[in-house]
Amino acid sequence: MRKTIIAGNWKMNHTGAEVRETLSALIGYVADKGMPEVIVAPVFPYLGEAVSLAKETGVRIAAQNMHWKDSGAYTGEVSPAMLVDVGVSHVILGHSERRTYFNETDGTVNLKVKAALAHGLMPVLCCGETLEQRERGSATAVIEAQIATALDGINREEIDRIIVAYEPVWAIGTGKTAGVAEAQEACSAIRRKIAGLYGKDLAAAVSVLYGGSVKAENIAALTSAPDIDGGLVGGASLKADDFAAIIQHAVIK
């Protein structure tokens, strides 16, 4: 059975003191069993401290990005080997903001997915269409192409170590949210594509999350849909009580 997962992407927010305060409060909120799996992605400088705070709790720590090489002359980058050394378990790859602002491509996402898996990290693989692509009716084709390229060269034994997050670009940080039917349609298309590549049984084991203005008011409806297994949460994950409310209202299948 696939997991219900609520992941918080803190993006370029929170100083060290804020990381400590928010994460400590969140750990207190989610101590109970029977909760979704919880992942938090702080900024790079505080990953080590976040790992220490979350040790032996129900909270997993993710990085927001990484390079695909282990080392080299790549100023400003962080390698998968370094993330493993710090102790993170997950890494977000292919986020729309990386694609939009930092020239991330489907090809580089594929290199990063392979590198993450090779180092024992679990990728949170992001995909999603722009408003223009949706309006011209190509949303499903765009999503399927992103998934196919990102998973190129990934074998059957590795696919259940990947989390996929559907995040329509037009809903990121805008306050707009795909309706449950729209989100379900996209997440179902993702699962069908994975099934076409790896078979229905393996596709059924992959957790597919929705990202895009997720909040406590809509998470229950979203996670009640058959192919939506949780949320990738942005701004609403920055305050422990807001994020905890989302976690507590998620439907565990």
Protein backbone atom coordinates (compact mmCIF):
# COMPACT_ATOMS: atom_id res chain seq x y z
CA MET A 1 0.00 0.00 0.00
CA ARG A 2 1.27 3.45 -0.85
CA LYS A 3 1.80 6.06 1.84
CA THR A 4 -0.14 9.24 2.51
CA ILE A 5 2.49 11.99 2.62
CA ILE A 6 2.36 15.65 3.58
CA ALA A 7 5.55 17.50 2.60
CA GLY A 8 6.40 21.10 3.48
CA ASN A 9 8.64 23.04 1.12
CA TRP A 10 9.91 26.05 3.08
CA LYS A 11 11.59 27.53 0.00
CA MET A 12 13.86 30.54 0.79
CA ASN A 13 12.31 31.21 4.19
CA HIS A 14 13.21 30.84 7.88
CA THR A 15 16.43 31.75 9.63
CA GLY A 16 18.07 29.25 11.96
CA ALA A 17 16.02 30.40 14.94
CA GLU A 18 12.81 30.15 12.92
CA VAL A 19 13.72 26.66 11.70
CA ARG A 20 14.29 25.52 15.28
CA GLU A 21 11.06 27.09 16.54
CA THR A 22 8.83 25.86 13.71
CA LEU A 23 10.27 22.36 13.50
CA SER A 24 10.22 21.84 17.27
CA ALA A 25 6.56 22.89 17.42
CA LEU A 26 5.68 20.72 14.44
CA ILE A 27 7.31 17.65 15.98
CA GLY A 28 5.11 18.17 19.04
CA TYR A 29 2.00 18.35 16.89
CA VAL A 30 2.66 15.16 14.89
CA ALA A 31 3.93 12.88 17.64
CA ASP A 32 0.81 10.70 17.47
CA LYS A 33 0.75 7.50 15.45
CA GLY A 34 -1.73 7.11 12.62
CA MET A 35 -0.60 10.34 10.95
CA PRO A 36 0.54 10.74 7.35
CA GLU A 37 4.27 10.61 6.72
CA VAL A 38 5.59 14.15 7.22
CA ILE A 39 8.50 15.66 5.27
CA VAL A 40 9.97 19.13 5.78
CA ALA A 41 12.44 20.84 3.42
CA PRO A 42 14.34 23.76 5.01
CA VAL A 43 17.04 25.79 3.25
CA PHE A 44 20.51 24.27 2.89
CA PRO A 45 22.33 26.05 5.78
CA TYR A 46 20.02 24.52 8.39
CA LEU A 47 19.62 20.98 7.06
CA GLY A 48 22.07 19.45 9.54
CA GLU A 49 20.39 21.09 12.49
CA ALA A 50 16.95 20.07 11.19
CA VAL A 51 18.10 16.46 10.88
CA SER A 52 19.32 16.53 14.49
CA LEU A 53 16.05 18.04 15.75
CA ALA A 54 13.93 15.52 13.85
CA LYS A 55 15.97 12.45 14.79
CA GLU A 56 13.80 9.62 16.12
CA THR A 57 10.59 11.55 15.37
CA GLY A 58 7.96 11.09 12.69
CA VAL A 59 9.34 13.98 10.63
CA ARG A 60 11.66 13.38 7.67
CA ILE A 61 14.01 16.10 6.38
CA ALA A 62 14.41 16.86 2.68
CA ALA A 63 16.64 19.13 0.66
CA GLN A 64 15.03 21.46 -1.88
CA ASN A 65 17.42 20.67 -4.72
CA MET A 66 20.83 19.17 -5.52
CA HIS A 67 23.37 18.73 -8.32
CA TRP A 68 23.74 15.35 -9.98
CA LYS A 69 27.54 15.17 -9.60
CA ASP A 70 29.29 14.03 -6.41
CA SER A 71 31.83 16.85 -6.54
CA GLY A 72 33.45 19.31 -8.93
CA ALA A 73 33.80 22.92 -10.00
CA TYR A 74 30.11 23.79 -9.63
CA THR A 75 30.10 26.95 -7.56
CA GLY A 76 27.07 27.29 -5.32
CA GLU A 77 25.85 23.72 -5.81
CA VAL A 78 25.35 20.88 -3.33
CA SER A 79 25.93 17.22 -4.20
CA PRO A 80 23.87 14.14 -3.32
CA ALA A 81 26.85 12.75 -1.38
CA MET A 82 26.84 15.90 0.77
CA LEU A 83 23.12 15.54 1.48
CA VAL A 84 23.64 11.94 2.56
CA ASP A 85 26.52 13.05 4.77
CA VAL A 86 24.27 15.64 6.44
CA GLY A 87 21.62 12.97 6.99
CA VAL A 88 18.63 14.03 4.88
CA SER A 89 16.39 11.28 3.51
CA HIS A 90 14.55 13.04 0.66
CA VAL A 91 15.21 15.66 -2.00
CA ILE A 92 12.75 17.76 -4.04
CA LEU A 93 13.63 17.69 -7.74
CA GLY A 94 12.22 19.54 -10.73
CA HIS A 95 10.15 22.05 -8.76
CA SER A 96 8.47 24.57 -11.05
CA GLU A 97 10.42 27.43 -9.49
CA ARG A 98 13.69 25.66 -10.32
CA ARG A 99 12.45 25.11 -13.87
CA THR A 100 11.19 28.71 -14.25
CA TYR A 101 13.94 30.72 -12.56
CA PHE A 102 17.03 28.50 -12.76
CA ASN A 103 16.77 26.82 -16.17
CA GLU A 104 16.00 23.35 -14.85
CA THR A 105 15.10 21.02 -17.71
CA ASP A 106 13.53 17.59 -17.97
CA GLY A 107 17.00 16.29 -18.85
CA THR A 108 18.71 17.67 -15.76
CA VAL A 109 15.83 16.46 -13.61
CA ASN A 110 16.46 12.96 -14.97
CA LEU A 111 20.16 13.18 -14.08
CA LYS A 112 19.25 14.30 -10.56
CA VAL A 113 16.68 11.54 -10.06
CA LYS A 114 19.26 8.92 -11.05
CA ALA A 115 21.88 10.46 -8.75
CA ALA A 116 19.47 10.67 -5.82
CA LEU A 117 18.49 7.02 -6.14
CA ALA A 118 22.12 5.95 -6.51
CA HIS A 119 22.88 7.61 -3.16
CA GLY A 120 19.86 6.21 -1.34
CA LEU A 121 17.89 9.47 -1.32
CA MET A 122 14.17 9.44 -2.11
CA PRO A 123 13.30 11.97 -4.83
CA VAL A 124 10.13 14.04 -4.67
CA LEU A 125 9.77 14.43 -8.42
CA CYS A 126 7.74 17.49 -9.43
CA CYS A 127 5.81 17.96 -12.64
CA GLY A 128 3.11 20.30 -13.85
CA GLU A 129 1.88 22.54 -16.64
CA THR A 130 1.74 26.28 -17.10
CA LEU A 131 -1.55 28.17 -17.50
CA GLU A 132 -0.86 28.61 -21.23
CA GLN A 133 -0.33 24.85 -21.66
CA ARG A 134 -3.53 24.07 -19.77
CA GLU A 135 -5.58 26.59 -21.77
CA ARG A 136 -4.48 25.12 -25.07
CA GLY A 137 -5.40 21.62 -23.91
CA SER A 138 -1.92 20.14 -23.64
CA ALA A 139 -1.67 19.75 -19.85
CA THR A 140 -1.79 15.96 -19.87
CA ALA A 141 0.73 15.67 -22.69
CA VAL A 142 3.13 18.03 -20.88
CA ILE A 143 2.86 16.09 -17.63
CA GLU A 144 3.33 12.73 -19.35
CA ALA A 145 6.40 14.01 -21.21
CA GLN A 146 7.94 15.36 -18.00
CA ILE A 147 7.38 12.04 -16.24
CA ALA A 148 8.69 9.95 -19.14
CA THR A 149 11.91 11.96 -19.42
CA ALA A 150 12.49 12.20 -15.67
CA LEU A 151 12.15 8.42 -15.30
CA ASP A 152 14.23 7.49 -18.35
CA GLY A 153 16.70 4.84 -17.28
CA ILE A 154 15.01 4.19 -13.92
CA ASN A 155 14.48 0.45 -13.44
CA ARG A 156 11.54 -1.45 -11.96
CA GLU A 157 13.32 -1.99 -8.65
CA GLU A 158 13.71 1.76 -8.16
CA ILE A 159 10.30 3.17 -9.08
CA ASP A 160 8.73 2.56 -5.66
CA ARG A 161 11.48 4.72 -4.14
CA ILE A 162 10.15 7.81 -5.92
CA ILE A 163 7.40 10.21 -4.82
CA VAL A 164 5.72 12.24 -7.56
CA ALA A 165 4.23 15.68 -6.93
CA TYR A 166 1.81 17.24 -9.41
CA GLU A 167 2.04 21.01 -9.03
CA PRO A 168 0.34 23.07 -11.74
CA VAL A 169 2.59 26.07 -12.26
CA TRP A 170 -0.39 28.43 -12.35
CA ALA A 171 -1.37 27.41 -8.78
CA ILE A 172 2.02 27.87 -7.09
CA GLY A 173 1.85 30.75 -4.63
CA THR A 174 -1.10 32.34 -6.39
CA GLY A 175 -3.86 31.33 -4.01
CA LYS A 176 -5.47 29.47 -6.90
CA THR A 177 -6.01 25.75 -6.51
CA ALA A 178 -6.89 23.13 -9.04
CA GLY A 179 -10.32 21.76 -8.30
CA VAL A 180 -10.41 18.27 -6.88
CA ALA A 181 -11.58 16.90 -10.22
CA GLU A 182 -8.76 18.69 -12.09
CA ALA A 183 -6.14 17.54 -9.60
CA GLN A 184 -7.44 13.97 -9.64
CA GLU A 185 -7.42 13.93 -13.45
CA ALA A 186 -3.78 15.01 -13.53
CA CYS A 187 -2.67 12.62 -10.78
CA SER A 188 -4.52 9.79 -12.51
CA ALA A 189 -2.70 10.65 -15.76
CA ILE A 190 0.62 10.48 -13.88
CA ARG A 191 -0.23 7.05 -12.48
CA ARG A 192 -1.37 5.80 -15.90
CA LYS A 193 1.90 6.96 -17.42
CA ILE A 194 3.89 5.18 -14.74
CA ALA A 195 1.74 2.09 -15.30
CA GLY A 196 2.52 2.23 -18.99
CA LEU A 197 6.23 2.30 -18.19
CA TYR A 198 6.37 -0.14 -15.26
CA GLY A 199 3.01 -1.91 -14.98
CA LYS A 200 -0.11 -1.29 -12.93
CA ASP A 201 1.12 -2.98 -9.75
CA LEU A 202 4.22 -0.82 -9.45
CA ALA A 203 2.28 2.32 -10.40
CA ALA A 204 -0.21 1.58 -7.64
CA ALA A 205 2.65 1.68 -5.09
CA VAL A 206 3.84 5.20 -6.02
CA SER A 207 2.60 8.07 -3.84
CA VAL A 208 1.36 10.98 -5.97
CA LEU A 209 0.99 14.31 -4.18
CA TYR A 210 -0.79 17.52 -5.17
CA GLY A 211 0.96 20.86 -4.74
CA GLY A 212 -0.46 24.33 -5.30
CA SER A 213 -2.00 26.45 -2.53
CA VAL A 214 -2.73 23.43 -0.35
CA LYS A 215 -4.34 24.33 2.97
CA ALA A 216 -6.33 22.80 5.83
CA GLU A 217 -9.59 23.72 4.11
CA ASN A 218 -8.94 21.69 0.96
CA ILE A 219 -6.60 18.85 1.97
CA ALA A 220 -9.38 16.45 3.03
CA ALA A 221 -11.20 16.80 -0.29
CA LEU A 222 -7.97 16.46 -2.24
CA THR A 223 -6.75 13.38 -0.37
CA SER A 224 -10.17 11.75 -0.66
CA ALA A 225 -9.60 11.49 -4.42
CA PRO A 226 -8.41 8.01 -5.44
CA ASP A 227 -5.09 9.04 -6.98
CA ILE A 228 -4.06 11.90 -4.65
CA ASP A 229 -1.94 10.60 -1.78
CA GLY A 230 -1.06 13.82 0.01
CA GLY A 231 0.23 17.32 -0.55
CA LEU A 232 3.37 19.28 -1.31
CA VAL A 233 2.71 22.39 0.75
CA GLY A 234 4.40 25.78 0.31
CA GLY A 235 3.45 28.88 2.27
CA ALA A 236 1.00 27.10 4.57
CA SER A 237 3.84 24.92 5.90
CA LEU A 238 5.81 27.87 7.33
CA LYS A 239 3.74 28.05 10.53
CA ALA A 240 3.65 24.91 12.62
CA ASP A 241 -0.01 25.19 13.61
CA ASP A 242 -1.14 25.79 10.00
CA PHE A 243 0.94 22.88 8.72
CA ALA A 244 -0.21 20.62 11.54
CA ALA A 245 -3.84 21.37 10.64
CA ILE A 246 -3.17 20.21 7.08
CA ILE A 247 -1.52 17.04 8.35
CA GLN A 248 -4.35 16.32 10.74
CA HIS A 249 -7.07 16.84 8.10
CA ALA A 250 -5.45 14.66 5.44
CA VAL A 251 -7.35 11.49 4.63
CA ILE A 252 -5.27 8.34 5.07
CA LYS A 253 -6.42 5.70 2.63
